[in-house]
Amino acid sequence: MTKQTTMTLKSYKTQAHMLVKNYLLADPFIPYTSILCGILACKVVYDLTDLISSFYIKTYPTLTKIQKVDWNNRGISTTHAIFISSLSLYFVFCSDLFSDHSFRALLPSEAQLSTFGLGVSLGYFFSDLAMTLWQYPALVAYSMFTGEAQLYTYMVLISEVTTPEIHLRWYLDTAGMKQSTAYLINGIVIFIGWLIARVLLFGYMFYHVYLHYDQVMKMHTFGFVLVFGVPSALGILNMMWFGKIIKGLVKTLAKRQSRTKEVDGGN
């Protein structure tokens, strides 16, 4: 390798380093960079889901084109749910970023990881907007660009912890495993997860808003409306779906018990 080539490579390396430091990781650009990363990640996960399913899922090749698209989209949604629910659980219960003594929960924050996480999530919502309520990405976008209400946004996003189980239920049904034990266990896990993440946690969030009402009142009007409006709407939907989950679980357990009695009676 010639001296000139070495110098050229070093120059490119230096430029790349400066690009990452001064643009990709610079505070003013993190929201935009993270959104692009989220959109790109959706594309990568979609292709990987299609590739892996083609090799390891026997029923996948027999699905229609629309079913395959739905299948792969659920792979994206599941991956996003694991990412954002893990990050949300960390910020809400482990990190000191939004602790009461710091008074940073409702004030503009320079925490790069928090902003980046919301940006990636927003990139996912942009990619999957047709399957998402319009208010949901609105809350994420507002808290990311203004720094306000990030704690409450992450509390709402913790509800994504139930998404992988819901998609798994669809996968089991599509694969013809609706009568399997795995399907029953999945239903029980959905019930427990929904109760904790979409019912009890929402109640805790509203209680937290009540305790910090004076700080909430200092937010912009649009943010104030989002903090009360979006969680309230989602909370009502969560309760309605929770009622259906309970009915479905009871119905499934009743059928299982009836089937068991028939088998025992036959013996």
Protein backbone atom coordinates (compact mmCIF):
# COMPACT_ATOMS: atom_id res chain seq x y z
CA MET A 1 0.00 0.00 0.00
CA THR A 2 1.49 3.33 -1.06
CA LYS A 3 1.95 6.29 1.24
CA GLN A 4 -0.59 8.29 -0.73
CA THR A 5 -3.20 5.52 -0.41
CA THR A 6 -2.59 5.32 3.34
CA MET A 7 -3.03 9.07 3.70
CA THR A 8 -6.21 8.93 1.63
CA LEU A 9 -7.67 6.17 3.82
CA LYS A 10 -6.75 8.13 6.96
CA SER A 11 -8.44 11.19 5.49
CA TYR A 12 -11.64 9.24 4.81
CA LYS A 13 -11.51 7.77 8.31
CA THR A 14 -11.11 11.22 9.83
CA GLN A 15 -13.99 12.58 7.79
CA ALA A 16 -16.19 9.66 8.79
CA HIS A 17 -15.29 10.20 12.44
CA MET A 18 -16.12 13.89 12.22
CA LEU A 19 -19.41 13.08 10.48
CA VAL A 20 -20.45 10.73 13.27
CA LYS A 21 -19.29 13.08 16.04
CA ASN A 22 -20.52 16.39 14.63
CA TYR A 23 -23.72 15.21 12.95
CA LEU A 24 -25.01 11.75 13.82
CA LEU A 25 -24.26 12.08 17.55
CA ALA A 26 -24.71 15.83 17.89
CA ASP A 27 -27.64 16.83 20.10
CA PRO A 28 -29.47 18.94 17.47
CA PHE A 29 -29.44 16.09 14.94
CA ILE A 30 -30.10 13.06 17.15
CA PRO A 31 -33.91 13.20 16.65
CA TYR A 32 -33.59 13.12 12.86
CA THR A 33 -30.79 10.53 12.85
CA SER A 34 -32.71 8.24 15.20
CA ILE A 35 -35.85 8.44 13.05
CA LEU A 36 -33.86 7.41 9.99
CA CYS A 37 -32.31 4.56 12.00
CA GLY A 38 -35.79 3.42 13.05
CA ILE A 39 -37.05 3.41 9.45
CA LEU A 40 -33.94 1.57 8.23
CA ALA A 41 -34.25 -0.97 11.05
CA CYS A 42 -37.84 -1.69 9.99
CA LYS A 43 -36.66 -2.51 6.47
CA VAL A 44 -33.87 -4.77 7.75
CA VAL A 45 -36.17 -6.63 10.16
CA TYR A 46 -38.82 -7.06 7.44
CA ASP A 47 -36.31 -8.69 5.09
CA LEU A 48 -34.80 -10.86 7.86
CA THR A 49 -38.25 -12.04 8.94
CA ASP A 50 -39.05 -13.00 5.36
CA LEU A 51 -35.72 -14.81 4.94
CA ILE A 52 -35.78 -16.69 8.26
CA SER A 53 -39.45 -17.66 7.91
CA SER A 54 -38.83 -19.05 4.42
CA PHE A 55 -36.21 -21.44 5.81
CA TYR A 56 -37.63 -22.41 9.22
CA ILE A 57 -41.43 -22.02 9.09
CA LYS A 58 -43.02 -24.83 7.08
CA THR A 59 -46.35 -23.06 6.60
CA TYR A 60 -44.82 -19.76 5.49
CA PRO A 61 -44.39 -20.65 1.78
CA THR A 62 -48.06 -21.63 1.60
CA LEU A 63 -49.30 -18.24 2.80
CA THR A 64 -50.78 -15.73 0.39
CA LYS A 65 -48.85 -12.59 -0.51
CA ILE A 66 -51.00 -10.48 1.81
CA GLN A 67 -50.53 -12.95 4.67
CA LYS A 68 -46.75 -12.89 4.14
CA VAL A 69 -46.76 -9.08 4.30
CA ASP A 70 -48.79 -9.22 7.51
CA TRP A 71 -46.47 -11.91 8.89
CA ASN A 72 -43.35 -9.82 8.20
CA ASN A 73 -44.95 -6.61 9.51
CA ARG A 74 -45.65 -8.41 12.77
CA GLY A 75 -41.96 -9.28 12.91
CA ILE A 76 -41.19 -5.56 12.74
CA SER A 77 -43.80 -4.76 15.38
CA THR A 78 -42.51 -7.50 17.69
CA THR A 79 -38.90 -6.32 17.38
CA HIS A 80 -39.92 -2.72 18.05
CA ALA A 81 -42.02 -3.79 21.03
CA ILE A 82 -39.10 -5.64 22.61
CA PHE A 83 -36.77 -2.67 22.02
CA ILE A 84 -39.04 0.12 23.23
CA SER A 85 -40.60 -1.74 26.16
CA SER A 86 -37.13 -2.67 27.46
CA LEU A 87 -35.97 0.93 27.10
CA SER A 88 -39.18 2.21 28.71
CA LEU A 89 -38.89 -0.14 31.67
CA TYR A 90 -35.31 1.07 32.19
CA PHE A 91 -36.17 4.78 32.10
CA VAL A 92 -39.29 4.47 34.25
CA PHE A 93 -38.02 2.10 36.95
CA CYS A 94 -34.19 2.04 36.81
CA SER A 95 -32.87 5.36 35.52
CA ASP A 96 -32.59 8.54 37.63
CA LEU A 97 -33.26 10.70 34.57
CA PHE A 98 -36.87 11.30 35.58
CA SER A 99 -36.52 11.06 39.36
CA ASP A 100 -38.56 13.48 41.44
CA HIS A 101 -35.57 15.11 43.11
CA SER A 102 -34.08 16.11 39.78
CA PHE A 103 -37.27 17.83 38.54
CA ARG A 104 -36.28 16.80 35.02
CA ALA A 105 -39.29 14.61 34.32
CA LEU A 106 -41.27 17.36 32.66
CA LEU A 107 -38.48 19.71 31.62
CA PRO A 108 -36.44 19.71 28.36
CA SER A 109 -33.85 16.98 28.69
CA GLU A 110 -30.51 16.54 26.90
CA ALA A 111 -30.37 12.81 27.58
CA GLN A 112 -29.23 11.47 24.23
CA LEU A 113 -30.31 7.89 24.84
CA SER A 114 -33.82 8.95 25.78
CA THR A 115 -34.18 11.11 22.69
CA PHE A 116 -32.62 8.46 20.47
CA GLY A 117 -34.97 5.78 21.78
CA LEU A 118 -38.02 7.92 21.09
CA GLY A 119 -36.66 8.73 17.62
CA VAL A 120 -36.25 5.08 16.71
CA SER A 121 -39.75 4.40 17.97
CA LEU A 122 -41.11 7.30 15.91
CA GLY A 123 -39.33 5.93 12.85
CA TYR A 124 -41.16 2.65 13.43
CA PHE A 125 -44.49 4.48 13.73
CA PHE A 126 -43.85 6.30 10.48
CA SER A 127 -43.13 2.96 8.81
CA ASP A 128 -46.18 1.29 10.30
CA LEU A 129 -48.55 4.26 10.53
CA ALA A 130 -51.49 2.40 9.01
CA MET A 131 -51.52 0.01 11.97
CA THR A 132 -51.13 2.68 14.66
CA LEU A 133 -53.49 5.23 16.17
CA TRP A 134 -52.58 8.69 14.93
CA GLN A 135 -52.39 10.08 18.49
CA TYR A 136 -49.74 7.57 19.52
CA PRO A 137 -46.86 8.81 17.32
CA ALA A 138 -48.02 12.37 17.99
CA LEU A 139 -47.22 11.97 21.68
CA VAL A 140 -43.84 10.37 20.93
CA ALA A 141 -42.90 13.10 18.44
CA TYR A 142 -43.92 15.91 20.81
CA SER A 143 -41.94 14.56 23.76
CA MET A 144 -38.89 13.83 21.60
CA PHE A 145 -38.60 17.28 19.99
CA THR A 146 -39.62 19.34 23.05
CA GLY A 147 -38.20 17.17 25.83
CA GLU A 148 -41.47 17.47 27.76
CA ALA A 149 -43.41 14.55 29.24
CA GLN A 150 -40.83 11.94 28.26
CA LEU A 151 -41.50 10.00 31.47
CA TYR A 152 -45.21 9.68 30.63
CA THR A 153 -44.41 8.77 27.05
CA TYR A 154 -42.23 5.91 28.23
CA MET A 155 -44.96 4.81 30.64
CA VAL A 156 -47.36 4.57 27.70
CA LEU A 157 -44.74 2.80 25.58
CA ILE A 158 -44.28 0.11 28.24
CA SER A 159 -47.62 -1.23 26.99
CA GLU A 160 -45.69 -2.44 23.93
CA VAL A 161 -44.46 -5.30 26.15
CA THR A 162 -47.74 -7.08 25.28
CA THR A 163 -47.20 -6.83 21.52
CA PRO A 164 -44.87 -9.85 21.07
CA GLU A 165 -47.38 -12.12 22.84
CA ILE A 166 -50.24 -10.83 20.69
CA HIS A 167 -48.26 -11.43 17.51
CA LEU A 168 -47.21 -14.87 18.75
CA ARG A 169 -50.90 -15.70 19.18
CA TRP A 170 -51.51 -14.74 15.55
CA TYR A 171 -48.53 -16.83 14.45
CA LEU A 172 -49.80 -19.88 16.37
CA ASP A 173 -53.27 -19.46 14.90
CA THR A 174 -51.93 -19.06 11.36
CA ALA A 175 -49.68 -22.11 11.83
CA GLY A 176 -52.69 -24.22 12.83
CA MET A 177 -51.76 -24.52 16.51
CA LYS A 178 -54.89 -23.00 18.01
CA GLN A 179 -55.61 -26.15 20.02
CA SER A 180 -52.07 -26.48 21.37
CA THR A 181 -50.91 -25.96 24.95
CA ALA A 182 -48.66 -23.15 23.71
CA TYR A 183 -51.76 -21.26 22.52
CA LEU A 184 -53.37 -21.60 25.97
CA ILE A 185 -50.21 -20.48 27.79
CA ASN A 186 -49.94 -17.57 25.38
CA GLY A 187 -53.46 -16.46 26.30
CA ILE A 188 -52.63 -16.55 30.02
CA VAL A 189 -49.43 -14.53 29.45
CA ILE A 190 -51.39 -11.94 27.43
CA PHE A 191 -53.90 -11.63 30.29
CA ILE A 192 -51.19 -11.07 32.91
CA GLY A 193 -49.15 -8.73 30.70
CA TRP A 194 -52.20 -6.69 29.69
CA LEU A 195 -53.32 -6.37 33.32
CA ILE A 196 -49.93 -5.06 34.44
CA ALA A 197 -48.78 -2.98 31.44
CA ARG A 198 -52.07 -1.66 30.06
CA VAL A 199 -54.35 -1.44 33.11
CA LEU A 200 -52.43 -1.08 36.38
CA LEU A 201 -49.55 0.93 34.89
CA PHE A 202 -51.95 3.39 33.24
CA GLY A 203 -53.64 3.86 36.61
CA TYR A 204 -50.24 4.55 38.18
CA MET A 205 -49.44 7.04 35.42
CA PHE A 206 -52.61 9.05 36.07
CA TYR A 207 -51.78 8.98 39.79
CA HIS A 208 -48.30 10.30 38.99
CA VAL A 209 -49.83 13.09 36.88
CA TYR A 210 -52.05 13.97 39.85
CA LEU A 211 -49.04 14.17 42.19
CA HIS A 212 -47.14 16.39 39.73
CA TYR A 213 -50.07 18.38 38.44
CA ASP A 214 -48.34 21.72 39.11
CA GLN A 215 -45.49 20.72 36.79
CA VAL A 216 -47.87 19.38 34.15
CA MET A 217 -49.64 22.74 34.10
CA LYS A 218 -46.36 24.42 33.08
CA MET A 219 -46.23 22.47 29.83
CA HIS A 220 -47.29 23.88 26.47
CA THR A 221 -51.01 23.63 25.80
CA PHE A 222 -50.51 20.98 23.10
CA GLY A 223 -48.37 18.86 25.43
CA PHE A 224 -50.90 19.26 28.23
CA VAL A 225 -53.67 17.99 25.94
CA LEU A 226 -51.53 15.04 24.78
CA VAL A 227 -50.63 14.01 28.34
CA PHE A 228 -54.30 13.79 29.27
CA GLY A 229 -55.93 13.00 25.94
CA VAL A 230 -53.80 10.20 24.47
CA PRO A 231 -53.41 8.07 27.63
CA SER A 232 -57.12 8.52 28.40
CA ALA A 233 -58.15 7.33 24.94
CA LEU A 234 -55.70 4.43 25.06
CA GLY A 235 -56.77 3.61 28.62
CA ILE A 236 -60.40 3.26 27.55
CA LEU A 237 -59.42 1.05 24.60
CA ASN A 238 -57.19 -1.02 26.87
CA MET A 239 -60.06 -1.63 29.29
CA MET A 240 -62.40 -2.61 26.44
CA TRP A 241 -59.87 -5.07 25.03
CA PHE A 242 -59.08 -6.37 28.52
CA GLY A 243 -62.74 -7.28 28.92
CA LYS A 244 -62.59 -9.23 25.64
CA ILE A 245 -59.36 -10.93 26.74
CA ILE A 246 -61.01 -12.07 29.97
CA LYS A 247 -64.02 -13.44 28.10
CA GLY A 248 -61.80 -15.22 25.58
CA LEU A 249 -59.62 -16.74 28.29
CA VAL A 250 -62.62 -17.96 30.29
CA LYS A 251 -64.16 -19.45 27.13
CA THR A 252 -60.91 -21.22 26.22
CA LEU A 253 -60.45 -22.63 29.74
CA ALA A 254 -64.06 -23.82 29.77
CA LYS A 255 -63.58 -25.65 26.45
CA ARG A 256 -60.37 -27.21 27.75
CA GLN A 257 -62.09 -28.39 30.91
CA SER A 258 -65.04 -29.80 28.94
CA ARG A 259 -62.69 -31.62 26.56
CA THR A 260 -60.73 -33.06 29.50
CA LYS A 261 -63.92 -34.35 31.11
CA GLU A 262 -64.97 -36.01 27.86
CA VAL A 263 -61.61 -37.76 27.58
CA ASP A 264 -61.75 -38.89 31.22
CA GLY A 265 -65.33 -40.08 30.77
CA GLY A 266 -64.35 -42.06 27.70
CA ASN A 267 -61.66 -43.82 29.65
